[in-house]
């Protein structure tokens, strides 16, 4: 079945292969097999944005010693190596995350705020999609203890139609396509259509293409 373009009529019913993830399964399916395996891009949409701590990468001496690391710092390092990292969020970063963000880091991880963002989505390399309840927080995706973390549920899929639809949804918000008619415009620090315009004026606009990297599904 051909994928409908963003904004066009969508099929009423469609079959897709998905994997259900709950609670701590997010660490394995979304972080280990998703974010940490990224080669080209990581797009994150979250209502709340905090300094998520996770176990050190598998196979490292830090992991063997039981050390935990900041996932945001890992993304910063990956972005410095060329990974495209975009984070779309509604609320301000937590105080702990603000303290971690350094001025020289702002050019690598790209962040934009929109008060209407409530979707929780992570797209990796245009080939893996997470949709669910988990925010980019320790209680949602991080290493909180079993009796302290949130009860979360979502799906992971490599379905191309779902990927294209949700990446187009993300990109429409990111590039400010909804700003002109938004009734919460006055609550924005800076409406995203103005951000996009200022980026273009500085000749530093980010690519607006939706990643199309396709790989075999992760097992």
N, C-alpha and C. Protein backbone atom coordinates (compact mmCIF):
# COMPACT_ATOMS: atom_id res chain seq x y z
N UNK A 1 0.84 -1.19 0.00
CA UNK A 1 0.00 0.00 0.00
C UNK A 1 0.88 1.24 0.00
N UNK A 2 0.64 2.16 -0.91
CA UNK A 2 1.45 3.37 -0.99
C UNK A 2 1.19 4.26 0.21
N UNK A 3 2.25 4.89 0.70
CA UNK A 3 2.10 5.77 1.86
C UNK A 3 1.45 7.08 1.44
N UNK A 4 0.48 7.53 2.22
CA UNK A 4 -0.15 8.82 1.96
C UNK A 4 0.78 9.94 2.36
N UNK A 5 0.80 11.01 1.59
CA UNK A 5 1.62 12.15 1.95
C UNK A 5 1.01 12.89 3.12
N UNK A 6 1.88 13.62 3.85
CA UNK A 6 1.42 14.35 5.03
C UNK A 6 0.33 15.33 4.63
N UNK A 7 -0.81 15.28 5.34
CA UNK A 7 -1.91 16.18 5.06
C UNK A 7 -2.96 15.58 4.16
N UNK A 8 -2.62 14.50 3.44
CA UNK A 8 -3.60 13.85 2.58
C UNK A 8 -4.41 12.84 3.40
N UNK A 9 -5.46 12.31 2.77
CA UNK A 9 -6.29 11.34 3.47
C UNK A 9 -5.48 10.09 3.79
N UNK A 10 -5.73 9.53 4.92
CA UNK A 10 -4.98 8.36 5.38
C UNK A 10 -5.86 7.12 5.29
N UNK A 11 -5.24 5.96 5.16
CA UNK A 11 -6.05 4.74 5.11
C UNK A 11 -6.76 4.52 6.44
N UNK A 12 -7.99 4.03 6.38
CA UNK A 12 -8.76 3.79 7.60
C UNK A 12 -8.15 2.67 8.43
N UNK A 13 -7.66 1.66 7.75
CA UNK A 13 -7.05 0.54 8.45
C UNK A 13 -5.75 0.17 7.75
N UNK A 14 -4.80 -0.26 8.55
CA UNK A 14 -3.52 -0.63 7.99
C UNK A 14 -2.83 -1.59 8.93
N UNK A 15 -2.11 -2.54 8.38
CA UNK A 15 -1.38 -3.51 9.19
C UNK A 15 0.08 -3.13 9.25
N UNK A 16 0.63 -3.08 10.45
CA UNK A 16 2.04 -2.76 10.62
C UNK A 16 2.62 -3.66 11.70
N UNK A 17 3.90 -3.98 11.57
CA UNK A 17 4.58 -4.78 12.58
C UNK A 17 5.08 -3.83 13.67
N UNK A 18 4.65 -4.06 14.91
CA UNK A 18 5.07 -3.22 16.02
C UNK A 18 5.53 -4.10 17.18
N UNK A 19 6.28 -3.49 18.08
CA UNK A 19 6.71 -4.19 19.29
C UNK A 19 6.26 -3.37 20.49
N UNK A 20 5.54 -4.00 21.40
CA UNK A 20 5.08 -3.32 22.61
C UNK A 20 6.21 -3.23 23.61
N UNK A 21 6.42 -2.04 24.18
CA UNK A 21 7.42 -1.86 25.23
C UNK A 21 6.75 -1.24 26.45
N UNK A 22 7.12 -1.74 27.62
CA UNK A 22 6.54 -1.24 28.86
C UNK A 22 7.65 -1.01 29.89
N UNK A 23 7.47 0.06 30.65
CA UNK A 23 8.32 0.33 31.82
C UNK A 23 9.81 0.25 31.47
N UNK A 24 10.57 -0.61 32.15
CA UNK A 24 12.02 -0.62 31.94
C UNK A 24 12.43 -1.18 30.58
N UNK A 25 11.51 -1.80 29.86
CA UNK A 25 11.84 -2.27 28.51
C UNK A 25 12.23 -1.10 27.61
N UNK A 26 11.82 0.12 27.97
CA UNK A 26 12.20 1.30 27.19
C UNK A 26 13.72 1.45 27.12
N UNK A 27 14.41 1.08 28.19
CA UNK A 27 15.86 1.23 28.23
C UNK A 27 16.51 0.38 27.13
N UNK A 28 16.04 -0.84 26.97
CA UNK A 28 16.61 -1.75 25.97
C UNK A 28 16.16 -1.36 24.56
N UNK A 29 14.85 -1.23 24.36
CA UNK A 29 14.31 -1.05 23.02
C UNK A 29 14.53 0.36 22.46
N UNK A 30 14.43 1.37 23.31
CA UNK A 30 14.51 2.75 22.82
C UNK A 30 15.93 3.32 22.92
N UNK A 31 16.60 3.03 24.04
CA UNK A 31 17.94 3.61 24.22
C UNK A 31 19.03 2.72 23.63
N UNK A 32 19.11 1.46 24.08
CA UNK A 32 20.20 0.60 23.62
C UNK A 32 20.08 0.26 22.13
N UNK A 33 18.91 -0.19 21.70
CA UNK A 33 18.73 -0.60 20.31
C UNK A 33 18.35 0.56 19.39
N UNK A 34 17.99 1.68 19.99
CA UNK A 34 17.58 2.85 19.21
C UNK A 34 18.61 3.93 19.23
N UNK A 35 18.56 4.80 20.24
CA UNK A 35 19.41 5.99 20.29
C UNK A 35 20.89 5.66 20.22
N UNK A 36 21.34 4.69 21.00
CA UNK A 36 22.77 4.37 21.01
C UNK A 36 23.26 3.69 19.74
N UNK A 37 22.36 3.19 18.94
CA UNK A 37 22.73 2.56 17.67
C UNK A 37 22.60 3.52 16.49
N UNK A 38 22.26 4.77 16.75
CA UNK A 38 22.01 5.74 15.66
C UNK A 38 23.27 5.98 14.83
N UNK A 39 23.07 6.12 13.53
CA UNK A 39 24.17 6.40 12.60
C UNK A 39 24.02 7.74 11.92
N UNK A 40 22.79 8.20 11.73
CA UNK A 40 22.58 9.43 10.97
C UNK A 40 21.81 10.49 11.74
N UNK A 41 20.73 10.10 12.43
CA UNK A 41 19.89 11.12 13.05
C UNK A 41 19.10 10.56 14.23
N UNK A 42 18.82 11.44 15.19
CA UNK A 42 17.92 11.16 16.30
C UNK A 42 17.02 12.36 16.46
N UNK A 43 15.71 12.16 16.30
CA UNK A 43 14.72 13.21 16.51
C UNK A 43 13.90 12.84 17.73
N UNK A 44 13.81 13.74 18.70
CA UNK A 44 13.09 13.50 19.93
C UNK A 44 12.00 14.55 20.11
N UNK A 45 10.79 14.13 20.38
CA UNK A 45 9.70 15.04 20.77
C UNK A 45 9.26 14.63 22.17
N UNK A 46 9.20 15.60 23.07
CA UNK A 46 8.89 15.31 24.46
C UNK A 46 8.23 16.52 25.10
N UNK A 47 7.33 16.29 26.03
CA UNK A 47 6.73 17.41 26.75
C UNK A 47 7.73 17.95 27.77
N UNK A 48 8.33 17.05 28.55
CA UNK A 48 9.30 17.44 29.57
C UNK A 48 10.70 17.01 29.15
N UNK A 49 11.68 17.84 29.47
CA UNK A 49 13.06 17.57 29.08
C UNK A 49 13.96 17.65 30.31
N UNK A 50 14.55 16.50 30.68
CA UNK A 50 15.42 16.45 31.85
C UNK A 50 16.75 15.78 31.50
N UNK A 51 17.65 15.81 32.47
CA UNK A 51 18.97 15.20 32.29
C UNK A 51 18.85 13.71 32.60
N UNK A 52 18.56 12.92 31.57
CA UNK A 52 18.33 11.49 31.73
C UNK A 52 19.66 10.77 31.97
N UNK A 53 19.72 10.00 33.03
CA UNK A 53 20.89 9.17 33.31
C UNK A 53 20.56 7.70 33.05
N UNK A 54 21.52 7.03 32.41
CA UNK A 54 21.35 5.63 32.05
C UNK A 54 22.64 4.89 32.37
N UNK A 55 22.58 3.57 32.36
CA UNK A 55 23.78 2.78 32.57
C UNK A 55 24.79 3.07 31.46
N UNK A 56 26.05 3.02 31.77
CA UNK A 56 27.09 3.22 30.77
C UNK A 56 26.94 2.21 29.64
N UNK A 57 27.45 2.52 28.43
CA UNK A 57 27.27 1.62 27.30
C UNK A 57 27.77 0.21 27.58
N UNK A 58 27.08 -0.75 27.02
CA UNK A 58 27.44 -2.16 27.16
C UNK A 58 28.85 -2.40 26.61
N UNK A 59 29.65 -3.15 27.34
CA UNK A 59 31.00 -3.47 26.88
C UNK A 59 32.07 -2.52 27.37
N UNK A 60 31.69 -1.46 28.08
CA UNK A 60 32.68 -0.51 28.59
C UNK A 60 33.06 -0.87 30.02
N UNK A 61 34.26 -0.40 30.42
CA UNK A 61 34.69 -0.64 31.80
C UNK A 61 33.79 0.09 32.78
N UNK A 62 33.26 1.24 32.35
CA UNK A 62 32.34 1.99 33.22
C UNK A 62 31.08 1.18 33.50
N UNK A 63 30.62 0.45 32.49
CA UNK A 63 29.44 -0.41 32.67
C UNK A 63 29.76 -1.51 33.68
N UNK A 64 30.95 -2.09 33.56
CA UNK A 64 31.34 -3.15 34.47
C UNK A 64 31.44 -2.66 35.91
N UNK A 65 31.76 -1.37 36.08
CA UNK A 65 31.86 -0.79 37.42
C UNK A 65 30.52 -0.24 37.91
N UNK A 66 29.48 -0.40 37.10
CA UNK A 66 28.16 0.05 37.51
C UNK A 66 27.97 1.54 37.42
N UNK A 67 28.70 2.20 36.54
CA UNK A 67 28.61 3.65 36.40
C UNK A 67 27.39 4.04 35.54
N UNK A 68 26.89 5.25 35.80
CA UNK A 68 25.80 5.81 35.02
C UNK A 68 26.27 7.08 34.33
N UNK A 69 25.69 7.37 33.17
CA UNK A 69 26.10 8.53 32.38
C UNK A 69 24.88 9.31 31.93
N UNK A 70 25.11 10.56 31.56
CA UNK A 70 24.05 11.41 31.03
C UNK A 70 23.79 11.07 29.56
N UNK A 71 22.56 10.71 29.23
CA UNK A 71 22.22 10.42 27.84
C UNK A 71 22.34 11.68 26.99
N UNK A 72 22.03 12.83 27.57
CA UNK A 72 22.18 14.09 26.84
C UNK A 72 23.64 14.32 26.47
N UNK A 73 24.56 14.03 27.38
CA UNK A 73 25.98 14.19 27.08
C UNK A 73 26.42 13.23 25.99
N UNK A 74 25.89 12.01 26.01
CA UNK A 74 26.20 11.07 24.93
C UNK A 74 25.73 11.61 23.59
N UNK A 75 24.53 12.18 23.58
CA UNK A 75 24.01 12.75 22.33
C UNK A 75 24.86 13.94 21.88
N UNK A 76 25.34 14.75 22.84
CA UNK A 76 26.21 15.87 22.50
C UNK A 76 27.49 15.38 21.82
N UNK A 77 28.08 14.34 22.37
CA UNK A 77 29.30 13.81 21.79
C UNK A 77 29.05 13.24 20.39
N UNK A 78 27.90 12.55 20.24
CA UNK A 78 27.55 12.00 18.92
C UNK A 78 27.28 13.12 17.93
N UNK A 79 26.62 14.18 18.39
CA UNK A 79 26.34 15.32 17.51
C UNK A 79 27.63 16.00 17.06
N UNK A 80 28.60 16.06 17.94
CA UNK A 80 29.90 16.65 17.59
C UNK A 80 30.60 15.83 16.52
N UNK A 81 30.26 14.54 16.45
CA UNK A 81 30.84 13.66 15.42
C UNK A 81 30.01 13.66 14.14
N UNK A 82 28.91 14.42 14.12
CA UNK A 82 28.13 14.53 12.89
C UNK A 82 26.73 13.97 12.94
N UNK A 83 26.32 13.36 14.05
CA UNK A 83 24.95 12.86 14.16
C UNK A 83 23.99 14.04 14.24
N UNK A 84 22.92 14.00 13.46
CA UNK A 84 21.91 15.05 13.54
C UNK A 84 20.99 14.76 14.72
N UNK A 85 21.00 15.66 15.70
CA UNK A 85 20.17 15.49 16.89
C UNK A 85 19.24 16.69 17.01
N UNK A 86 17.93 16.43 16.99
CA UNK A 86 16.93 17.47 17.18
C UNK A 86 16.05 17.08 18.36
N UNK A 87 15.82 18.04 19.24
CA UNK A 87 14.93 17.81 20.37
C UNK A 87 13.86 18.89 20.37
N UNK A 88 12.62 18.47 20.26
CA UNK A 88 11.46 19.36 20.26
C UNK A 88 10.75 19.17 21.59
N UNK A 89 10.62 20.24 22.39
CA UNK A 89 10.06 20.08 23.73
C UNK A 89 9.15 21.24 24.08
N UNK A 90 8.28 21.00 25.08
CA UNK A 90 7.31 22.02 25.48
C UNK A 90 7.82 22.85 26.66
N UNK A 91 8.18 22.18 27.74
CA UNK A 91 8.64 22.88 28.92
C UNK A 91 10.11 23.21 28.85
N UNK A 92 10.59 24.08 29.74
CA UNK A 92 12.02 24.40 29.78
C UNK A 92 12.82 23.20 30.26
N UNK A 93 14.10 23.11 29.91
CA UNK A 93 14.93 22.03 30.44
C UNK A 93 14.99 22.12 31.96
N UNK A 94 15.16 20.98 32.61
CA UNK A 94 15.28 20.95 34.06
C UNK A 94 16.53 21.73 34.48
N UNK A 95 16.59 22.11 35.76
CA UNK A 95 17.75 22.86 36.25
C UNK A 95 19.04 22.07 36.09
N UNK A 96 18.96 20.76 36.34
CA UNK A 96 20.15 19.92 36.20
C UNK A 96 20.64 19.91 34.75
N UNK A 97 19.70 19.86 33.81
CA UNK A 97 20.10 19.85 32.40
C UNK A 97 20.63 21.22 31.98
N UNK A 98 20.00 22.29 32.43
CA UNK A 98 20.50 23.63 32.12
C UNK A 98 21.95 23.79 32.57
N UNK A 99 22.26 23.24 33.75
CA UNK A 99 23.62 23.34 34.27
C UNK A 99 24.61 22.55 33.42
N UNK A 100 24.13 21.49 32.76
CA UNK A 100 25.00 20.66 31.93
C UNK A 100 25.23 21.28 30.55
N UNK A 101 24.25 22.02 30.05
CA UNK A 101 24.36 22.60 28.71
C UNK A 101 25.35 23.76 28.74
N UNK A 102 26.38 23.68 27.92
CA UNK A 102 27.39 24.73 27.82
C UNK A 102 27.17 25.53 26.55
N UNK A 103 27.54 26.81 26.55
CA UNK A 103 27.30 27.65 25.37
C UNK A 103 27.85 27.06 24.08
N UNK A 104 29.03 26.45 24.16
CA UNK A 104 29.63 25.91 22.94
C UNK A 104 28.91 24.67 22.44
N UNK A 105 28.01 24.10 23.26
CA UNK A 105 27.30 22.90 22.86
C UNK A 105 26.04 23.21 22.04
N UNK A 106 25.60 24.45 22.06
CA UNK A 106 24.30 24.75 21.47
C UNK A 106 24.27 24.53 19.97
N UNK A 107 25.42 24.52 19.31
CA UNK A 107 25.44 24.36 17.86
C UNK A 107 25.33 22.90 17.45
N UNK A 108 25.50 21.96 18.38
CA UNK A 108 25.48 20.56 17.99
C UNK A 108 24.10 19.93 18.18
N UNK A 109 23.63 19.85 19.44
CA UNK A 109 22.25 19.40 19.65
C UNK A 109 21.34 20.58 19.35
N UNK A 110 20.39 20.38 18.48
CA UNK A 110 19.45 21.45 18.13
C UNK A 110 18.17 21.27 18.93
N UNK A 111 17.79 22.29 19.67
CA UNK A 111 16.58 22.24 20.48
C UNK A 111 15.64 23.38 20.10
N UNK A 112 14.36 23.07 20.06
CA UNK A 112 13.33 24.08 19.84
C UNK A 112 12.16 23.81 20.77
N UNK A 113 11.53 24.90 21.25
CA UNK A 113 10.40 24.77 22.18
C UNK A 113 9.10 25.19 21.53
N UNK A 114 8.06 24.43 21.84
CA UNK A 114 6.70 24.76 21.43
C UNK A 114 5.79 24.34 22.58
N UNK A 115 5.01 25.27 23.16
CA UNK A 115 4.18 24.93 24.33
C UNK A 115 3.09 23.91 24.05
N UNK A 116 2.80 23.65 22.77
CA UNK A 116 1.74 22.69 22.44
C UNK A 116 2.25 21.27 22.26
N UNK A 117 3.56 21.08 22.33
CA UNK A 117 4.11 19.73 22.13
C UNK A 117 3.77 18.84 23.32
N UNK A 118 3.02 17.81 23.05
CA UNK A 118 2.72 16.82 24.08
C UNK A 118 3.00 15.41 23.58
N UNK A 119 3.34 15.28 22.29
CA UNK A 119 3.65 13.96 21.76
C UNK A 119 5.00 13.49 22.28
N UNK A 120 5.10 12.18 22.48
CA UNK A 120 6.35 11.57 22.87
C UNK A 120 6.78 10.65 21.72
N UNK A 121 7.84 11.03 21.09
CA UNK A 121 8.26 10.34 19.86
C UNK A 121 9.77 10.38 19.77
N UNK A 122 10.36 9.27 19.30
CA UNK A 122 11.78 9.24 18.99
C UNK A 122 11.92 8.53 17.65
N UNK A 123 12.56 9.19 16.69
CA UNK A 123 12.83 8.59 15.38
C UNK A 123 14.34 8.50 15.21
N UNK A 124 14.82 7.31 14.87
CA UNK A 124 16.25 7.07 14.74
C UNK A 124 16.57 6.65 13.31
N UNK A 125 17.40 7.44 12.64
CA UNK A 125 17.89 7.12 11.30
C UNK A 125 16.80 6.93 10.26
N UNK A 126 15.60 7.43 10.52
CA UNK A 126 14.52 7.20 9.58
C UNK A 126 14.16 5.74 9.44
N UNK A 127 14.57 4.91 10.41
CA UNK A 127 14.33 3.47 10.30
C UNK A 127 13.75 2.85 11.55
N UNK A 128 13.71 3.59 12.65
CA UNK A 128 13.11 3.08 13.88
C UNK A 128 12.31 4.19 14.52
N UNK A 129 11.10 3.86 14.95
CA UNK A 129 10.21 4.85 15.53
C UNK A 129 9.67 4.36 16.87
N UNK A 130 9.76 5.23 17.88
CA UNK A 130 9.09 4.98 19.15
C UNK A 130 7.95 5.98 19.30
N UNK A 131 6.78 5.48 19.64
CA UNK A 131 5.63 6.29 20.00
C UNK A 131 5.08 5.75 21.31
N UNK A 132 4.89 6.62 22.29
CA UNK A 132 4.37 6.12 23.55
C UNK A 132 4.19 7.21 24.57
N UNK A 133 4.24 6.83 25.83
CA UNK A 133 3.95 7.76 26.91
C UNK A 133 5.19 8.38 27.53
N UNK A 134 6.38 7.82 27.26
CA UNK A 134 7.58 8.22 27.98
C UNK A 134 8.15 9.55 27.50
N UNK A 135 8.32 10.48 28.44
CA UNK A 135 9.04 11.71 28.18
C UNK A 135 10.55 11.46 28.24
N UNK A 136 11.32 12.47 27.80
CA UNK A 136 12.78 12.41 27.90
C UNK A 136 13.16 12.80 29.33
N UNK A 137 12.88 11.89 30.25
CA UNK A 137 13.13 12.10 31.68
C UNK A 137 13.66 10.80 32.27
N UNK A 138 14.25 10.90 33.46
CA UNK A 138 14.75 9.70 34.11
C UNK A 138 13.66 8.73 34.47
N UNK A 139 12.51 9.25 34.91
CA UNK A 139 11.41 8.37 35.29
C UNK A 139 10.74 7.75 34.07
N UNK A 140 10.95 8.34 32.90
CA UNK A 140 10.34 7.80 31.68
C UNK A 140 11.26 6.87 30.93
N UNK A 141 12.49 7.34 30.63
CA UNK A 141 13.42 6.56 29.81
C UNK A 141 14.68 6.13 30.56
N UNK A 142 14.95 6.74 31.71
CA UNK A 142 16.24 6.56 32.35
C UNK A 142 16.33 5.39 33.30
N UNK A 143 17.27 5.52 34.23
CA UNK A 143 17.66 4.40 35.08
C UNK A 143 17.06 4.48 36.47
N UNK A 144 15.89 5.03 36.59
CA UNK A 144 15.21 5.05 37.89
C UNK A 144 14.96 3.62 38.37
N UNK A 145 14.93 3.43 39.68
CA UNK A 145 14.63 2.12 40.24
C UNK A 145 13.22 1.69 39.89
N UNK A 146 13.00 0.39 39.91
CA UNK A 146 11.71 -0.16 39.51
C UNK A 146 10.55 0.41 40.32
N UNK A 147 10.79 0.76 41.56
CA UNK A 147 9.72 1.27 42.41
C UNK A 147 9.63 2.79 42.38
N UNK A 148 10.43 3.43 41.50
CA UNK A 148 10.42 4.89 41.40
C UNK A 148 10.08 5.38 40.00
N UNK A 149 10.28 4.54 39.00
CA UNK A 149 10.05 4.98 37.63
C UNK A 149 8.56 5.01 37.32
N UNK A 150 8.20 5.76 36.29
CA UNK A 150 6.80 5.83 35.88
C UNK A 150 6.35 4.52 35.24
N UNK A 151 5.06 4.29 35.25
CA UNK A 151 4.49 3.21 34.46
C UNK A 151 4.31 3.75 33.04
N UNK A 152 5.06 3.21 32.11
CA UNK A 152 5.06 3.70 30.73
C UNK A 152 4.72 2.57 29.77
N UNK A 153 4.19 2.94 28.61
CA UNK A 153 3.93 1.96 27.55
C UNK A 153 4.02 2.66 26.21
N UNK A 154 4.47 1.93 25.21
CA UNK A 154 4.57 2.48 23.86
C UNK A 154 4.85 1.38 22.86
N UNK A 155 5.10 1.79 21.64
CA UNK A 155 5.42 0.84 20.58
C UNK A 155 6.71 1.25 19.89
N UNK A 156 7.40 0.26 19.35
CA UNK A 156 8.57 0.47 18.51
C UNK A 156 8.29 -0.22 17.18
N UNK A 157 8.61 0.46 16.09
CA UNK A 157 8.34 -0.10 14.77
C UNK A 157 9.35 0.40 13.75
N UNK A 158 9.50 -0.36 12.66
CA UNK A 158 10.30 0.11 11.53
C UNK A 158 9.39 0.34 10.31
N UNK A 159 8.10 0.46 10.56
CA UNK A 159 7.12 0.64 9.49
C UNK A 159 7.36 1.97 8.77
N UNK A 160 7.55 1.93 7.45
CA UNK A 160 7.92 3.12 6.69
C UNK A 160 6.81 4.16 6.67
N UNK A 161 5.55 3.72 6.57
CA UNK A 161 4.45 4.70 6.53
C UNK A 161 4.37 5.46 7.85
N UNK A 162 4.44 4.73 8.97
CA UNK A 162 4.39 5.39 10.26
C UNK A 162 5.59 6.33 10.46
N UNK A 163 6.77 5.89 10.04
CA UNK A 163 7.95 6.73 10.13
C UNK A 163 7.78 8.01 9.33
N UNK A 164 7.34 7.88 8.09
CA UNK A 164 7.18 9.07 7.23
C UNK A 164 6.13 10.02 7.80
N UNK A 165 5.01 9.46 8.26
CA UNK A 165 3.95 10.31 8.81
C UNK A 165 4.41 11.06 10.05
N UNK A 166 5.07 10.37 10.97
CA UNK A 166 5.45 11.00 12.22
C UNK A 166 6.64 11.94 12.05
N UNK A 167 7.55 11.61 11.16
CA UNK A 167 8.65 12.55 10.89
C UNK A 167 8.13 13.81 10.21
N UNK A 168 7.13 13.65 9.36
CA UNK A 168 6.51 14.83 8.74
C UNK A 168 5.77 15.66 9.78
N UNK A 169 5.12 14.99 10.74
CA UNK A 169 4.45 15.69 11.83
C UNK A 169 5.46 16.49 12.65
N UNK A 170 6.56 15.84 13.00
CA UNK A 170 7.63 16.48 13.75
C UNK A 170 8.17 17.70 12.99
N UNK A 171 8.47 17.50 11.72
CA UNK A 171 9.10 18.55 10.92
C UNK A 171 8.17 19.74 10.73
N UNK A 172 6.87 19.50 10.63
CA UNK A 172 5.91 20.60 10.48
C UNK A 172 5.92 21.49 11.72
N UNK A 173 6.01 20.88 12.89
CA UNK A 173 6.09 21.66 14.13
C UNK A 173 7.43 22.37 14.21
N UNK A 174 8.49 21.62 13.96
CA UNK A 174 9.87 22.14 14.05
C UNK A 174 10.08 23.37 13.17
N UNK A 175 9.55 23.34 11.98
CA UNK A 175 9.77 24.43 11.02
C UNK A 175 8.75 25.55 11.13
N UNK A 176 7.81 25.45 12.10
CA UNK A 176 6.88 26.54 12.35
C UNK A 176 5.69 26.61 11.42
N UNK A 177 5.35 25.50 10.78
CA UNK A 177 4.24 25.53 9.83
C UNK A 177 2.89 25.78 10.51
N UNK A 178 2.78 25.53 11.80
CA UNK A 178 1.52 25.74 12.52
C UNK A 178 1.48 27.08 13.26
N UNK A 179 2.58 27.80 13.26
CA UNK A 179 2.69 29.00 14.11
C UNK A 179 1.73 30.11 13.70
N UNK A 180 1.48 30.25 12.40
CA UNK A 180 0.66 31.35 11.93
C UNK A 180 -0.76 31.33 12.46
N UNK A 181 -1.29 30.15 12.74
CA UNK A 181 -2.67 30.04 13.20
C UNK A 181 -2.77 29.61 14.67
N UNK A 182 -1.64 29.50 15.36
CA UNK A 182 -1.63 29.00 16.73
C UNK A 182 -2.13 30.07 17.69
N UNK A 183 -3.08 29.70 18.54
CA UNK A 183 -3.64 30.63 19.51
C UNK A 183 -2.82 30.70 20.79
N UNK A 184 -1.73 29.94 20.86
CA UNK A 184 -0.81 30.03 21.99
C UNK A 184 0.48 30.73 21.60
N UNK A 185 0.45 31.40 20.47
CA UNK A 185 1.67 32.05 19.97
C UNK A 185 2.27 33.00 21.01
N UNK A 186 1.41 33.70 21.75
CA UNK A 186 1.89 34.66 22.73
C UNK A 186 2.64 34.04 23.89
N UNK A 187 2.51 32.72 24.06
CA UNK A 187 3.19 32.04 25.16
C UNK A 187 4.56 31.51 24.77
N UNK A 188 4.92 31.64 23.50
CA UNK A 188 6.21 31.14 23.03
C UNK A 188 7.33 32.11 23.40
N UNK A 189 8.47 31.57 23.77
CA UNK A 189 9.67 32.40 23.92
C UNK A 189 10.00 33.04 22.58
N UNK A 190 9.91 32.24 21.53
CA UNK A 190 10.07 32.74 20.18
C UNK A 190 9.36 31.76 19.25
N UNK A 191 8.30 32.19 18.57
CA UNK A 191 7.60 31.28 17.66
C UNK A 191 8.55 30.64 16.66
N UNK A 192 8.30 29.38 16.36
CA UNK A 192 9.24 28.62 15.54
C UNK A 192 9.31 29.10 14.10
N UNK A 193 8.26 29.75 13.59
CA UNK A 193 8.39 30.31 12.25
C UNK A 193 9.39 31.47 12.24
N UNK A 194 9.48 32.20 13.36
CA UNK A 194 10.48 33.26 13.47
C UNK A 194 11.88 32.69 13.61
N UNK A 195 11.98 31.58 14.34
CA UNK A 195 13.27 30.90 14.46
C UNK A 195 13.75 30.46 13.09
N UNK A 196 12.83 29.87 12.32
CA UNK A 196 13.19 29.38 10.98
C UNK A 196 13.62 30.54 10.09
N UNK A 197 12.91 31.65 10.20
CA UNK A 197 13.24 32.82 9.37
C UNK A 197 14.61 33.39 9.73
N UNK A 198 14.90 33.48 11.02
CA UNK A 198 16.19 34.02 11.43
C UNK A 198 17.33 33.10 11.05
N UNK A 199 17.07 31.79 11.09
CA UNK A 199 18.09 30.84 10.65
C UNK A 199 18.39 31.02 9.17
N UNK A 200 17.34 31.24 8.38
CA UNK A 200 17.52 31.43 6.94
C UNK A 200 18.29 32.72 6.66
N UNK A 201 17.99 33.77 7.40
CA UNK A 201 18.68 35.05 7.20
C UNK A 201 20.16 34.95 7.52
N UNK A 202 20.51 34.05 8.44
CA UNK A 202 21.92 33.86 8.77
C UNK A 202 22.57 32.81 7.87
N UNK A 203 21.81 32.34 6.90
CA UNK A 203 22.31 31.31 5.96
C UNK A 203 22.78 30.06 6.70
N UNK A 204 22.09 29.78 7.80
CA UNK A 204 22.47 28.60 8.58
C UNK A 204 21.25 27.72 8.84
N UNK A 205 20.28 27.79 7.95
CA UNK A 205 19.07 27.01 8.15
C UNK A 205 19.40 25.52 8.13
N UNK A 206 18.74 24.78 9.01
CA UNK A 206 18.95 23.34 9.05
C UNK A 206 18.20 22.68 7.91
N UNK A 207 18.68 21.49 7.47
CA UNK A 207 17.92 20.76 6.45
C UNK A 207 16.53 20.41 6.97
N UNK A 208 15.53 20.55 6.14
CA UNK A 208 14.18 20.21 6.57
C UNK A 208 13.71 18.86 6.00
N UNK A 209 14.60 18.18 5.33
CA UNK A 209 14.21 16.89 4.78
C UNK A 209 13.97 15.88 5.89
N UNK A 210 13.11 14.96 5.64
CA UNK A 210 12.86 13.88 6.58
C UNK A 210 13.86 12.76 6.29
N UNK A 211 14.57 12.26 7.30
CA UNK A 211 15.55 11.21 7.04
C UNK A 211 14.92 10.01 6.35
N UNK A 212 15.63 9.48 5.36
CA UNK A 212 15.11 8.34 4.61
C UNK A 212 16.02 7.12 4.70
N UNK A 213 16.92 7.12 5.68
CA UNK A 213 17.82 5.97 5.85
C UNK A 213 16.98 4.74 6.15
N UNK A 214 17.19 3.70 5.41
CA UNK A 214 16.45 2.45 5.64
C UNK A 214 17.44 1.32 5.84
N UNK A 215 17.22 0.55 6.88
CA UNK A 215 18.07 -0.59 7.15
C UNK A 215 17.18 -1.78 7.49
N UNK A 216 17.80 -2.91 7.60
CA UNK A 216 17.04 -4.07 8.05
C UNK A 216 16.61 -3.84 9.48
N UNK A 217 15.42 -4.33 9.85
CA UNK A 217 14.95 -4.14 11.22
C UNK A 217 15.94 -4.70 12.23
N UNK A 218 16.09 -4.00 13.37
CA UNK A 218 16.90 -4.54 14.45
C UNK A 218 16.19 -5.74 15.05
N UNK A 219 16.95 -6.73 15.37
CA UNK A 219 16.34 -7.94 15.96
C UNK A 219 16.37 -7.85 17.48
